[in-house]
């Protein structure tokens, strides 16, 4: 099926990865630092290993690790397990992306541009640790999460909050956080078609409306 996997009786482990390598040329007019008007070089932007799968088609899991592009150290991005119920309800717990901005929810391997927008980087939810419930039908999908707050991945429960480098954004542990997102598929035949921003040649027309909200109490 186009994937590398290890499977047994009711068990399947998919093994994949992502490698984004690029050459950057930056030309700018900097009067304060004329020697820095021209910057160029190679960059390994993303190097990831992805382990995900199912157990008896009801239980699912994922462990996603990535190498730091400056130091090369391996860090955890996602680690969660979950259960799919027969009535369209799905629950997962662990570390994952909160259900807020759609641009952040689309994988970096399926973006239209080389990076996400500046608006997304300022307001992004990124990953957190918590529990999430989702209910979906052929046209509706509603997701809610109870977590440690925006951009609080790889933190312990008693870590303090802090700045994420942007004045409008916080990062690190909060006392509690609630996130919700609702989507209505006006036109389309499958929720998988929304895993990226563009359609394949010959794919059916799609029209999706979504709304999300987030609240957290920080220390």
N, C-alpha and C. Protein backbone atom coordinates (compact mmCIF):
# COMPACT_ATOMS: atom_id res chain seq x y z
N UNK A 1 0.82 -1.22 0.00
CA UNK A 1 0.00 0.00 0.00
C UNK A 1 0.85 1.27 0.00
N UNK A 2 2.11 1.16 -0.41
CA UNK A 2 2.97 2.33 -0.48
C UNK A 2 3.64 2.70 0.82
N UNK A 3 3.50 1.90 1.87
CA UNK A 3 4.10 2.19 3.15
C UNK A 3 4.97 1.01 3.60
N UNK A 4 5.98 1.32 4.40
CA UNK A 4 6.77 0.27 5.03
C UNK A 4 6.15 -0.03 6.38
N UNK A 5 5.83 -1.28 6.63
CA UNK A 5 5.16 -1.61 7.88
C UNK A 5 5.57 -3.00 8.35
N UNK A 6 5.34 -3.20 9.64
CA UNK A 6 5.50 -4.51 10.27
C UNK A 6 4.13 -4.88 10.83
N UNK A 7 3.62 -6.04 10.46
CA UNK A 7 2.26 -6.41 10.85
C UNK A 7 2.21 -7.83 11.38
N UNK A 8 1.26 -8.04 12.28
CA UNK A 8 1.01 -9.36 12.83
C UNK A 8 -0.47 -9.55 13.03
N UNK A 9 -0.85 -10.41 13.92
CA UNK A 9 -2.24 -10.70 14.19
C UNK A 9 -2.90 -9.51 14.90
N UNK A 10 -3.63 -8.68 14.16
CA UNK A 10 -4.30 -7.52 14.72
C UNK A 10 -3.40 -6.35 15.05
N UNK A 11 -2.14 -6.41 14.64
CA UNK A 11 -1.18 -5.36 14.96
C UNK A 11 -0.50 -4.86 13.69
N UNK A 12 -0.30 -3.56 13.61
CA UNK A 12 0.43 -2.98 12.48
C UNK A 12 1.23 -1.78 12.94
N UNK A 13 2.50 -1.75 12.56
CA UNK A 13 3.40 -0.64 12.86
C UNK A 13 3.92 -0.07 11.55
N UNK A 14 3.56 1.19 11.26
CA UNK A 14 4.07 1.89 10.09
C UNK A 14 5.33 2.66 10.47
N UNK A 15 6.32 2.60 9.62
CA UNK A 15 7.59 3.30 9.85
C UNK A 15 7.82 4.25 8.68
N UNK A 16 7.94 5.53 8.99
CA UNK A 16 8.16 6.53 7.95
C UNK A 16 9.07 7.62 8.45
N UNK A 17 9.22 8.65 7.63
CA UNK A 17 10.09 9.76 8.00
C UNK A 17 9.92 10.93 7.08
N UNK A 18 10.65 11.98 7.38
CA UNK A 18 10.61 13.21 6.59
C UNK A 18 11.99 13.84 6.59
N UNK A 19 12.45 14.24 5.41
CA UNK A 19 13.74 14.92 5.27
C UNK A 19 13.54 16.15 4.39
N UNK A 20 13.80 17.30 4.96
CA UNK A 20 13.69 18.57 4.22
C UNK A 20 15.06 19.23 4.22
N UNK A 21 15.67 19.28 3.07
CA UNK A 21 17.02 19.82 2.90
C UNK A 21 16.97 20.94 1.86
N UNK A 22 17.61 22.05 2.15
CA UNK A 22 17.49 23.19 1.23
C UNK A 22 18.74 24.06 1.26
N UNK A 23 18.83 24.87 0.21
CA UNK A 23 19.90 25.87 0.07
C UNK A 23 19.25 27.24 0.14
N UNK A 24 19.77 28.10 1.00
CA UNK A 24 19.16 29.40 1.25
C UNK A 24 20.07 30.52 0.77
N UNK A 25 19.49 31.49 0.06
CA UNK A 25 20.18 32.71 -0.34
C UNK A 25 19.39 33.89 0.21
N UNK A 26 20.00 34.67 1.07
CA UNK A 26 19.34 35.81 1.72
C UNK A 26 20.10 37.08 1.36
N UNK A 27 19.47 37.93 0.56
CA UNK A 27 20.08 39.20 0.13
C UNK A 27 19.21 40.33 0.67
N UNK A 28 19.82 41.25 1.41
CA UNK A 28 19.05 42.34 2.02
C UNK A 28 19.94 43.58 2.14
N UNK A 29 19.31 44.71 2.35
CA UNK A 29 20.02 45.97 2.50
C UNK A 29 20.06 46.32 3.98
N UNK A 30 21.18 46.07 4.61
CA UNK A 30 21.34 46.32 6.03
C UNK A 30 22.40 47.40 6.22
N UNK A 31 21.96 48.63 6.48
CA UNK A 31 22.89 49.74 6.63
C UNK A 31 23.72 49.63 7.91
N UNK A 32 23.14 49.02 8.94
CA UNK A 32 23.85 48.91 10.21
C UNK A 32 24.93 47.83 10.19
N UNK A 33 24.75 46.83 9.32
CA UNK A 33 25.73 45.74 9.23
C UNK A 33 25.94 45.42 7.75
N UNK A 34 26.67 46.26 7.04
CA UNK A 34 26.84 46.05 5.60
C UNK A 34 27.53 44.74 5.24
N UNK A 35 28.31 44.20 6.17
CA UNK A 35 28.99 42.93 5.89
C UNK A 35 28.03 41.75 5.91
N UNK A 36 26.81 41.96 6.45
CA UNK A 36 25.84 40.88 6.56
C UNK A 36 24.71 41.01 5.55
N UNK A 37 24.96 41.75 4.46
CA UNK A 37 23.91 41.91 3.44
C UNK A 37 23.64 40.62 2.68
N UNK A 38 24.57 39.73 2.68
CA UNK A 38 24.45 38.51 1.88
C UNK A 38 24.76 37.30 2.75
N UNK A 39 23.76 36.42 2.88
CA UNK A 39 23.94 35.19 3.65
C UNK A 39 23.49 34.01 2.80
N UNK A 40 24.26 32.96 2.84
CA UNK A 40 23.92 31.81 2.02
C UNK A 40 24.45 30.53 2.68
N UNK A 41 23.81 29.43 2.37
CA UNK A 41 24.27 28.16 2.92
C UNK A 41 23.21 27.08 2.88
N UNK A 42 23.62 25.85 3.20
CA UNK A 42 22.72 24.71 3.22
C UNK A 42 22.09 24.57 4.61
N UNK A 43 20.93 23.96 4.65
CA UNK A 43 20.23 23.74 5.91
C UNK A 43 19.41 22.46 5.85
N UNK A 44 19.56 21.63 6.87
CA UNK A 44 18.67 20.49 7.03
C UNK A 44 17.54 20.95 7.94
N UNK A 45 16.47 21.40 7.32
CA UNK A 45 15.38 22.04 8.07
C UNK A 45 14.62 21.04 8.94
N UNK A 46 14.28 19.88 8.38
CA UNK A 46 13.53 18.90 9.15
C UNK A 46 14.08 17.50 8.87
N UNK A 47 14.30 16.76 9.94
CA UNK A 47 14.66 15.35 9.85
C UNK A 47 13.85 14.62 10.92
N UNK A 48 12.89 13.80 10.48
CA UNK A 48 11.96 13.18 11.41
C UNK A 48 11.83 11.69 11.15
N UNK A 49 11.55 10.96 12.22
CA UNK A 49 11.20 9.55 12.15
C UNK A 49 9.81 9.39 12.77
N UNK A 50 8.95 8.66 12.06
CA UNK A 50 7.55 8.54 12.46
C UNK A 50 7.18 7.06 12.63
N UNK A 51 6.73 6.72 13.83
CA UNK A 51 6.28 5.36 14.12
C UNK A 51 4.82 5.44 14.55
N UNK A 52 3.94 4.85 13.79
CA UNK A 52 2.52 4.89 14.11
C UNK A 52 1.86 3.60 13.68
N UNK A 53 0.68 3.33 14.23
CA UNK A 53 0.01 2.10 13.85
C UNK A 53 -1.27 1.86 14.62
N UNK A 54 -1.75 0.62 14.54
CA UNK A 54 -3.02 0.23 15.15
C UNK A 54 -2.89 -1.13 15.82
N UNK A 55 -3.76 -1.33 16.79
CA UNK A 55 -3.89 -2.64 17.44
C UNK A 55 -5.36 -3.02 17.38
N UNK A 56 -5.66 -4.08 16.68
CA UNK A 56 -7.04 -4.56 16.51
C UNK A 56 -7.97 -3.51 15.91
N UNK A 57 -7.40 -2.56 15.15
CA UNK A 57 -8.13 -1.51 14.41
C UNK A 57 -8.88 -0.52 15.31
N UNK A 58 -8.91 -0.75 16.60
CA UNK A 58 -9.59 0.16 17.52
C UNK A 58 -8.61 1.05 18.27
N UNK A 59 -7.48 0.49 18.68
CA UNK A 59 -6.45 1.24 19.37
C UNK A 59 -5.44 1.77 18.35
N UNK A 60 -4.98 2.99 18.56
CA UNK A 60 -3.98 3.57 17.66
C UNK A 60 -2.92 4.30 18.49
N UNK A 61 -1.77 4.53 17.87
CA UNK A 61 -0.66 5.16 18.59
C UNK A 61 0.26 5.85 17.59
N UNK A 62 1.08 6.76 18.13
CA UNK A 62 2.10 7.43 17.30
C UNK A 62 3.23 7.94 18.18
N UNK A 63 4.46 7.77 17.69
CA UNK A 63 5.65 8.37 18.29
C UNK A 63 6.41 9.05 17.16
N UNK A 64 6.57 10.38 17.26
CA UNK A 64 7.25 11.17 16.24
C UNK A 64 8.43 11.89 16.88
N UNK A 65 9.63 11.63 16.36
CA UNK A 65 10.84 12.28 16.88
C UNK A 65 11.50 13.07 15.75
N UNK A 66 12.23 14.11 16.14
CA UNK A 66 12.87 14.98 15.15
C UNK A 66 14.25 15.40 15.65
N UNK A 67 15.15 15.64 14.70
CA UNK A 67 16.50 16.09 15.02
C UNK A 67 16.56 17.61 14.96
N UNK A 68 17.20 18.22 15.94
CA UNK A 68 17.39 19.66 15.95
C UNK A 68 18.29 20.07 14.79
N UNK A 69 17.90 21.10 14.04
CA UNK A 69 18.65 21.47 12.84
C UNK A 69 19.96 22.18 13.15
N UNK A 70 20.18 22.60 14.40
CA UNK A 70 21.42 23.26 14.76
C UNK A 70 22.37 22.33 15.50
N UNK A 71 21.84 21.54 16.41
CA UNK A 71 22.68 20.69 17.22
C UNK A 71 22.62 19.22 16.81
N UNK A 72 21.56 18.83 16.11
CA UNK A 72 21.42 17.45 15.71
C UNK A 72 20.87 16.53 16.78
N UNK A 73 20.55 17.07 17.94
CA UNK A 73 20.02 16.24 19.03
C UNK A 73 18.59 15.80 18.70
N UNK A 74 18.22 14.62 19.18
CA UNK A 74 16.91 14.06 18.92
C UNK A 74 15.94 14.49 20.01
N UNK A 75 14.77 14.98 19.59
CA UNK A 75 13.76 15.40 20.55
C UNK A 75 12.40 14.83 20.20
N UNK A 76 11.55 14.73 21.20
CA UNK A 76 10.20 14.19 21.01
C UNK A 76 9.26 15.28 20.52
N UNK A 77 8.52 14.99 19.44
CA UNK A 77 7.50 15.91 18.97
C UNK A 77 6.10 15.44 19.37
N UNK A 78 5.78 14.19 19.09
CA UNK A 78 4.47 13.67 19.45
C UNK A 78 4.61 12.26 20.03
N UNK A 79 3.74 11.97 20.98
CA UNK A 79 3.67 10.62 21.55
C UNK A 79 2.29 10.47 22.16
N UNK A 80 1.44 9.70 21.52
CA UNK A 80 0.09 9.53 22.04
C UNK A 80 -0.45 8.15 21.68
N UNK A 81 -1.48 7.77 22.42
CA UNK A 81 -2.25 6.57 22.15
C UNK A 81 -3.71 6.94 22.21
N UNK A 82 -4.56 6.12 21.58
CA UNK A 82 -5.97 6.45 21.57
C UNK A 82 -6.84 5.26 21.23
N UNK A 83 -8.15 5.53 21.28
CA UNK A 83 -9.13 4.48 21.04
C UNK A 83 -10.26 5.02 20.18
N UNK A 84 -10.64 4.26 19.15
CA UNK A 84 -11.73 4.63 18.25
C UNK A 84 -12.97 3.82 18.60
N UNK A 85 -14.07 4.52 18.90
CA UNK A 85 -15.32 3.86 19.24
C UNK A 85 -16.18 3.70 17.99
N UNK A 86 -17.16 2.83 18.06
CA UNK A 86 -17.98 2.52 16.90
C UNK A 86 -18.97 3.62 16.55
N UNK A 87 -19.23 4.54 17.48
CA UNK A 87 -20.22 5.60 17.23
C UNK A 87 -19.61 6.88 16.68
N UNK A 88 -18.39 6.82 16.19
CA UNK A 88 -17.74 7.99 15.61
C UNK A 88 -16.94 8.81 16.60
N UNK A 89 -16.89 8.38 17.85
CA UNK A 89 -16.12 9.08 18.88
C UNK A 89 -14.71 8.50 18.94
N UNK A 90 -13.75 9.39 19.07
CA UNK A 90 -12.35 8.98 19.17
C UNK A 90 -11.71 9.76 20.30
N UNK A 91 -10.91 9.10 21.11
CA UNK A 91 -10.23 9.75 22.22
C UNK A 91 -8.75 9.41 22.14
N UNK A 92 -7.91 10.37 22.46
CA UNK A 92 -6.47 10.12 22.52
C UNK A 92 -5.88 10.91 23.68
N UNK A 93 -4.74 10.44 24.17
CA UNK A 93 -4.07 11.08 25.28
C UNK A 93 -2.57 11.00 25.05
N UNK A 94 -1.86 12.03 25.52
CA UNK A 94 -0.42 12.09 25.32
C UNK A 94 -0.01 13.48 24.88
N UNK A 95 0.95 13.55 23.98
CA UNK A 95 1.45 14.82 23.45
C UNK A 95 1.10 14.93 21.98
N UNK A 96 0.37 16.00 21.60
CA UNK A 96 -0.11 16.16 20.24
C UNK A 96 -0.42 17.64 20.00
N UNK A 97 -0.78 17.97 18.75
CA UNK A 97 -1.15 19.34 18.42
C UNK A 97 -2.58 19.61 18.85
N UNK A 98 -2.78 20.71 19.52
CA UNK A 98 -4.12 21.09 19.96
C UNK A 98 -4.99 21.46 18.75
N UNK A 99 -6.29 21.21 18.82
CA UNK A 99 -7.17 21.43 17.66
C UNK A 99 -7.58 22.88 17.50
N UNK A 100 -6.62 23.73 17.08
CA UNK A 100 -6.95 25.14 16.93
C UNK A 100 -6.72 25.60 15.48
N UNK A 101 -5.56 26.18 15.18
CA UNK A 101 -5.31 26.72 13.84
C UNK A 101 -5.16 25.59 12.82
N UNK A 102 -5.90 25.68 11.73
CA UNK A 102 -5.85 24.63 10.71
C UNK A 102 -4.49 24.59 10.03
N UNK A 103 -3.86 25.74 9.81
CA UNK A 103 -2.56 25.75 9.15
C UNK A 103 -1.53 24.96 9.94
N UNK A 104 -1.61 25.02 11.26
CA UNK A 104 -0.68 24.26 12.10
C UNK A 104 -1.04 22.78 12.12
N UNK A 105 -2.32 22.46 11.97
CA UNK A 105 -2.75 21.07 12.01
C UNK A 105 -2.35 20.31 10.75
N UNK A 106 -2.15 21.02 9.64
CA UNK A 106 -1.67 20.38 8.41
C UNK A 106 -0.17 20.09 8.57
N UNK A 107 0.23 18.88 8.27
CA UNK A 107 1.61 18.47 8.45
C UNK A 107 2.58 19.34 7.64
N UNK A 108 3.76 19.54 8.17
CA UNK A 108 4.79 20.31 7.46
C UNK A 108 5.19 19.64 6.15
N UNK A 109 4.93 18.35 6.03
CA UNK A 109 5.25 17.65 4.78
C UNK A 109 4.20 17.88 3.70
N UNK A 110 3.10 18.58 4.04
CA UNK A 110 2.01 18.80 3.08
C UNK A 110 1.69 20.28 2.90
N UNK A 111 2.62 21.16 3.26
CA UNK A 111 2.40 22.58 3.11
C UNK A 111 2.52 23.01 1.64
N UNK A 112 1.92 24.17 1.32
CA UNK A 112 2.06 24.72 -0.03
C UNK A 112 3.38 25.47 -0.18
N UNK A 113 3.84 26.11 0.88
CA UNK A 113 5.10 26.86 0.85
C UNK A 113 6.15 26.14 1.69
N UNK A 114 7.36 26.69 1.69
CA UNK A 114 8.45 26.03 2.42
C UNK A 114 8.25 26.13 3.92
N UNK A 115 7.50 27.14 4.38
CA UNK A 115 7.21 27.30 5.80
C UNK A 115 5.78 27.77 5.97
N UNK A 116 5.29 27.68 7.18
CA UNK A 116 3.98 28.21 7.50
C UNK A 116 4.05 29.74 7.56
N UNK A 117 2.89 30.39 7.58
CA UNK A 117 2.83 31.85 7.54
C UNK A 117 3.28 32.46 8.87
N UNK A 118 3.60 33.75 8.83
CA UNK A 118 3.98 34.46 10.04
C UNK A 118 2.82 34.55 11.02
N UNK A 119 1.60 34.69 10.51
CA UNK A 119 0.43 34.73 11.39
C UNK A 119 0.32 33.43 12.18
N UNK A 120 0.56 32.32 11.51
CA UNK A 120 0.51 31.03 12.20
C UNK A 120 1.60 30.93 13.26
N UNK A 121 2.79 31.42 12.95
CA UNK A 121 3.90 31.30 13.90
C UNK A 121 3.66 32.15 15.15
N UNK A 122 2.92 33.26 15.01
CA UNK A 122 2.64 34.11 16.17
C UNK A 122 1.55 33.49 17.05
N UNK A 123 0.51 32.96 16.43
CA UNK A 123 -0.65 32.48 17.19
C UNK A 123 -0.72 30.96 17.30
N UNK A 124 0.28 30.25 16.82
CA UNK A 124 0.21 28.80 16.76
C UNK A 124 -0.01 28.16 18.13
N UNK A 125 -0.79 27.09 18.14
CA UNK A 125 -0.99 26.32 19.37
C UNK A 125 0.15 25.36 19.62
N UNK A 126 0.77 24.89 18.55
CA UNK A 126 1.83 23.89 18.61
C UNK A 126 1.35 22.67 19.40
N UNK A 127 2.26 22.02 20.10
CA UNK A 127 1.91 20.77 20.77
C UNK A 127 1.76 20.96 22.28
N UNK A 128 0.96 20.10 22.86
CA UNK A 128 0.74 20.13 24.30
C UNK A 128 0.51 18.71 24.79
N UNK A 129 0.47 18.57 26.09
CA UNK A 129 0.17 17.28 26.71
C UNK A 129 -1.23 17.34 27.30
N UNK A 130 -2.05 16.35 27.00
CA UNK A 130 -3.41 16.37 27.49
C UNK A 130 -4.22 15.22 26.96
N UNK A 131 -5.55 15.42 26.96
CA UNK A 131 -6.48 14.43 26.46
C UNK A 131 -7.45 15.11 25.50
N UNK A 132 -7.82 14.40 24.45
CA UNK A 132 -8.65 14.99 23.40
C UNK A 132 -9.78 14.04 23.02
N UNK A 133 -10.98 14.60 22.84
CA UNK A 133 -12.13 13.86 22.37
C UNK A 133 -12.56 14.43 21.02
N UNK A 134 -12.92 13.56 20.09
CA UNK A 134 -13.37 14.00 18.77
C UNK A 134 -14.57 13.17 18.33
N UNK A 135 -15.51 13.84 17.69
CA UNK A 135 -16.68 13.17 17.14
C UNK A 135 -16.85 13.62 15.70
N UNK A 136 -17.00 12.68 14.80
CA UNK A 136 -17.10 13.02 13.38
C UNK A 136 -18.22 12.23 12.71
N UNK A 137 -18.87 12.89 11.75
CA UNK A 137 -19.84 12.26 10.88
C UNK A 137 -19.36 12.47 9.44
N UNK A 138 -20.20 12.22 8.48
CA UNK A 138 -19.80 12.43 7.09
C UNK A 138 -19.57 13.90 6.78
N UNK A 139 -20.22 14.80 7.52
CA UNK A 139 -20.09 16.23 7.24
C UNK A 139 -19.57 17.04 8.41
N UNK A 140 -19.77 16.59 9.64
CA UNK A 140 -19.38 17.35 10.82
C UNK A 140 -18.19 16.70 11.53
N UNK A 141 -17.39 17.56 12.15
CA UNK A 141 -16.33 17.07 13.04
C UNK A 141 -16.17 18.08 14.17
N UNK A 142 -16.25 17.59 15.40
CA UNK A 142 -16.10 18.43 16.59
C UNK A 142 -15.01 17.83 17.46
N UNK A 143 -14.05 18.66 17.87
CA UNK A 143 -12.92 18.20 18.66
C UNK A 143 -12.72 19.11 19.86
N UNK A 144 -12.49 18.53 21.02
CA UNK A 144 -12.21 19.29 22.23
C UNK A 144 -11.05 18.68 22.99
N UNK A 145 -10.23 19.53 23.60
CA UNK A 145 -9.04 19.05 24.31
C UNK A 145 -8.91 19.75 25.66
N UNK A 146 -8.46 19.00 26.63
CA UNK A 146 -8.10 19.51 27.96
C UNK A 146 -6.62 19.26 28.12
N UNK A 147 -5.83 20.34 28.27
CA UNK A 147 -4.37 20.20 28.16
C UNK A 147 -3.64 21.13 29.11
N UNK A 148 -2.31 21.14 28.94
CA UNK A 148 -1.43 22.00 29.73
C UNK A 148 -1.23 23.38 29.12
N UNK A 149 -1.83 23.65 27.96
CA UNK A 149 -1.73 24.98 27.38
C UNK A 149 -0.92 25.04 26.11
N UNK A 150 -0.90 26.23 25.51
CA UNK A 150 -0.23 26.43 24.23
C UNK A 150 1.27 26.13 24.33
N UNK A 151 1.77 25.44 23.31
CA UNK A 151 3.21 25.25 23.15
C UNK A 151 3.87 24.75 24.45
N UNK A 152 3.32 23.72 25.03
CA UNK A 152 3.85 23.20 26.30
C UNK A 152 4.37 21.78 26.16
N UNK A 153 4.86 21.44 24.97
CA UNK A 153 5.37 20.09 24.76
C UNK A 153 6.66 19.88 25.55
N UNK A 154 6.86 18.63 25.94
CA UNK A 154 8.08 18.21 26.63
C UNK A 154 8.32 19.01 27.92
N UNK A 155 7.25 19.25 28.67
CA UNK A 155 7.36 19.92 29.96
C UNK A 155 6.78 19.01 31.04
N UNK A 156 7.27 19.16 32.25
CA UNK A 156 6.72 18.42 33.37
C UNK A 156 5.52 19.18 33.92
N UNK A 157 4.72 18.52 34.74
CA UNK A 157 3.46 19.12 35.20
C UNK A 157 3.67 20.35 36.08
N UNK A 158 4.83 20.47 36.72
CA UNK A 158 5.08 21.59 37.63
C UNK A 158 6.04 22.62 37.04
N UNK A 159 6.31 22.55 35.73
CA UNK A 159 7.13 23.58 35.10
C UNK A 159 6.35 24.88 35.00
N UNK A 160 7.04 26.00 35.09
CA UNK A 160 6.39 27.29 34.97
C UNK A 160 6.21 27.69 33.52
N UNK A 161 5.29 28.63 33.28
CA UNK A 161 5.09 29.16 31.93
C UNK A 161 6.17 30.16 31.58
N UNK A 162 6.17 30.59 30.33
CA UNK A 162 7.18 31.54 29.89
C UNK A 162 6.87 32.09 28.53
N UNK A 163 7.70 33.00 28.08
CA UNK A 163 7.49 33.62 26.77
C UNK A 163 8.00 32.72 25.67
N UNK A 164 7.34 32.79 24.51
CA UNK A 164 7.75 31.99 23.37
C UNK A 164 8.47 32.83 22.33
N UNK A 165 8.85 34.05 22.68
CA UNK A 165 9.56 34.90 21.74
C UNK A 165 8.66 35.89 21.02
N UNK A 166 7.35 35.77 21.17
CA UNK A 166 6.41 36.70 20.57
C UNK A 166 5.59 37.35 21.67
N UNK A 167 5.29 38.66 21.58
CA UNK A 167 4.58 39.35 22.66
C UNK A 167 3.15 38.86 22.86
N UNK A 168 2.54 38.26 21.83
CA UNK A 168 1.16 37.82 21.94
C UNK A 168 1.02 36.35 22.29
N UNK A 169 2.13 35.70 22.55
CA UNK A 169 2.08 34.26 22.71
C UNK A 169 2.77 33.83 23.99
N UNK A 170 2.21 32.80 24.63
CA UNK A 170 2.83 32.21 25.81
C UNK A 170 3.19 30.77 25.53
N UNK A 171 4.08 30.25 26.33
CA UNK A 171 4.52 28.85 26.16
C UNK A 171 4.82 28.28 27.53
N UNK A 172 4.78 26.97 27.62
CA UNK A 172 5.05 26.32 28.87
C UNK A 172 3.77 25.96 29.61
N UNK A 173 3.92 25.35 30.76
CA UNK A 173 2.79 24.84 31.52
C UNK A 173 1.84 25.95 31.97
N UNK A 174 0.56 25.70 31.84
CA UNK A 174 -0.48 26.53 32.44
C UNK A 174 -1.21 25.71 33.49
N UNK A 175 -2.07 26.35 34.25
CA UNK A 175 -2.82 25.61 35.26
C UNK A 175 -3.80 24.65 34.58
N UNK A 176 -4.46 25.14 33.54
CA UNK A 176 -5.32 24.30 32.72
C UNK A 176 -5.61 25.03 31.42
N UNK A 177 -6.04 24.28 30.40
CA UNK A 177 -6.37 24.89 29.12
C UNK A 177 -7.47 24.08 28.45
N UNK A 178 -8.36 24.79 27.76
CA UNK A 178 -9.46 24.18 27.02
C UNK A 178 -9.40 24.66 25.57
N UNK A 179 -9.46 23.72 24.64
CA UNK A 179 -9.40 24.04 23.21
C UNK A 179 -10.52 23.31 22.49
N UNK A 180 -11.19 24.00 21.59
CA UNK A 180 -12.25 23.37 20.82
C UNK A 180 -12.23 23.80 19.37
N UNK A 181 -12.59 22.89 18.50
CA UNK A 181 -12.66 23.20 17.07
C UNK A 181 -13.82 22.44 16.45
N UNK A 182 -14.60 23.14 15.60
CA UNK A 182 -15.72 22.52 14.89
C UNK A 182 -15.54 22.78 13.39
N UNK A 183 -15.80 21.75 12.59
CA UNK A 183 -15.66 21.87 11.13
C UNK A 183 -16.89 21.30 10.44
N UNK A 184 -17.28 21.97 9.37
CA UNK A 184 -18.42 21.52 8.57
C UNK A 184 -17.97 21.42 7.11
N UNK A 185 -18.06 20.22 6.56
CA UNK A 185 -17.64 19.98 5.18
C UNK A 185 -18.86 20.19 4.28
N UNK A 186 -18.89 21.36 3.65
CA UNK A 186 -19.99 21.69 2.75
C UNK A 186 -19.92 20.85 1.49
N UNK A 187 -18.72 20.66 0.98
CA UNK A 187 -18.54 19.85 -0.22
C UNK A 187 -17.27 19.03 -0.06
N UNK A 188 -17.34 17.77 -0.45
CA UNK A 188 -16.20 16.88 -0.33
C UNK A 188 -16.68 15.47 -0.04
N UNK A 189 -15.82 14.51 -0.29
CA UNK A 189 -16.24 13.12 -0.14
C UNK A 189 -15.49 12.35 0.94
N UNK A 190 -14.49 12.98 1.58
CA UNK A 190 -13.69 12.25 2.55
C UNK A 190 -12.92 13.24 3.40
N UNK A 191 -12.84 12.98 4.70
CA UNK A 191 -12.08 13.88 5.57
C UNK A 191 -10.59 13.84 5.27
N UNK A 192 -10.10 12.77 4.68
CA UNK A 192 -8.68 12.68 4.36
C UNK A 192 -8.25 13.70 3.31
N UNK A 193 -9.21 14.19 2.52
CA UNK A 193 -8.85 15.16 1.49
C UNK A 193 -8.39 16.48 2.09
N UNK A 194 -8.65 16.67 3.40
CA UNK A 194 -8.25 17.91 4.06
C UNK A 194 -6.93 17.77 4.81
N UNK A 195 -6.19 16.70 4.53
CA UNK A 195 -4.87 16.54 5.15
C UNK A 195 -3.85 17.51 4.57
N UNK A 196 -4.17 18.14 3.44
CA UNK A 196 -3.27 19.14 2.87
C UNK A 196 -4.09 20.34 2.42
N UNK A 197 -3.44 21.30 1.74
CA UNK A 197 -4.10 22.54 1.35
C UNK A 197 -4.54 22.56 -0.10
N UNK A 198 -4.17 21.59 -0.86
CA UNK A 198 -4.49 21.62 -2.28
C UNK A 198 -5.00 20.25 -2.72
N UNK A 199 -5.73 20.23 -3.82
CA UNK A 199 -6.31 18.97 -4.30
C UNK A 199 -5.42 18.34 -5.37
N UNK A 200 -5.50 17.04 -5.45
CA UNK A 200 -4.81 16.33 -6.51
C UNK A 200 -5.56 16.51 -7.83
N UNK A 201 -4.89 16.26 -8.90
CA UNK A 201 -5.51 16.39 -10.21
C UNK A 201 -6.69 15.41 -10.34
N UNK A 202 -7.85 15.95 -10.69
CA UNK A 202 -9.03 15.13 -10.83
C UNK A 202 -9.81 14.90 -9.56
N UNK A 203 -9.32 15.43 -8.43
CA UNK A 203 -10.02 15.23 -7.16
C UNK A 203 -11.29 16.07 -7.11
N UNK A 204 -12.28 15.61 -6.35
CA UNK A 204 -13.53 16.33 -6.22
C UNK A 204 -13.33 17.68 -5.55
N UNK A 205 -14.21 18.63 -5.88
CA UNK A 205 -14.19 19.95 -5.27
C UNK A 205 -14.51 19.85 -3.78
N UNK A 206 -13.80 20.62 -2.96
CA UNK A 206 -14.02 20.60 -1.53
C UNK A 206 -14.22 22.00 -0.97
N UNK A 207 -15.09 22.11 0.03
CA UNK A 207 -15.38 23.38 0.69
C UNK A 207 -15.57 23.10 2.17
N UNK A 208 -14.67 23.66 3.00
CA UNK A 208 -14.68 23.37 4.43
C UNK A 208 -14.76 24.66 5.22
N UNK A 209 -15.64 24.69 6.22
CA UNK A 209 -15.74 25.80 7.15
C UNK A 209 -15.32 25.32 8.53
N UNK A 210 -14.55 26.13 9.23
CA UNK A 210 -14.09 25.75 10.55
C UNK A 210 -14.03 26.92 11.50
N UNK A 211 -14.22 26.65 12.78
CA UNK A 211 -14.10 27.67 13.81
C UNK A 211 -13.45 27.03 15.04
N UNK A 212 -12.61 27.79 15.73
CA UNK A 212 -11.90 27.25 16.89
C UNK A 212 -11.76 28.31 17.95
N UNK A 213 -11.59 27.84 19.19
CA UNK A 213 -11.41 28.74 20.32
C UNK A 213 -10.49 28.08 21.34
N UNK A 214 -9.78 28.92 22.09
CA UNK A 214 -8.85 28.41 23.11
C UNK A 214 -8.90 29.32 24.33
N UNK A 215 -8.85 28.71 25.50
CA UNK A 215 -8.76 29.46 26.77
C UNK A 215 -7.82 28.71 27.70
N UNK A 216 -6.96 29.47 28.37
CA UNK A 216 -6.09 28.84 29.36
C UNK A 216 -5.86 29.78 30.52
N UNK A 217 -5.65 29.18 31.68
CA UNK A 217 -5.33 29.90 32.89
C UNK A 217 -3.87 29.64 33.21
N UNK A 218 -3.07 30.68 33.04
CA UNK A 218 -1.63 30.53 33.25
C UNK A 218 -1.25 31.05 34.62
N UNK A 219 -0.13 30.57 35.10
CA UNK A 219 0.33 30.98 36.42
C UNK A 219 1.00 32.33 36.35
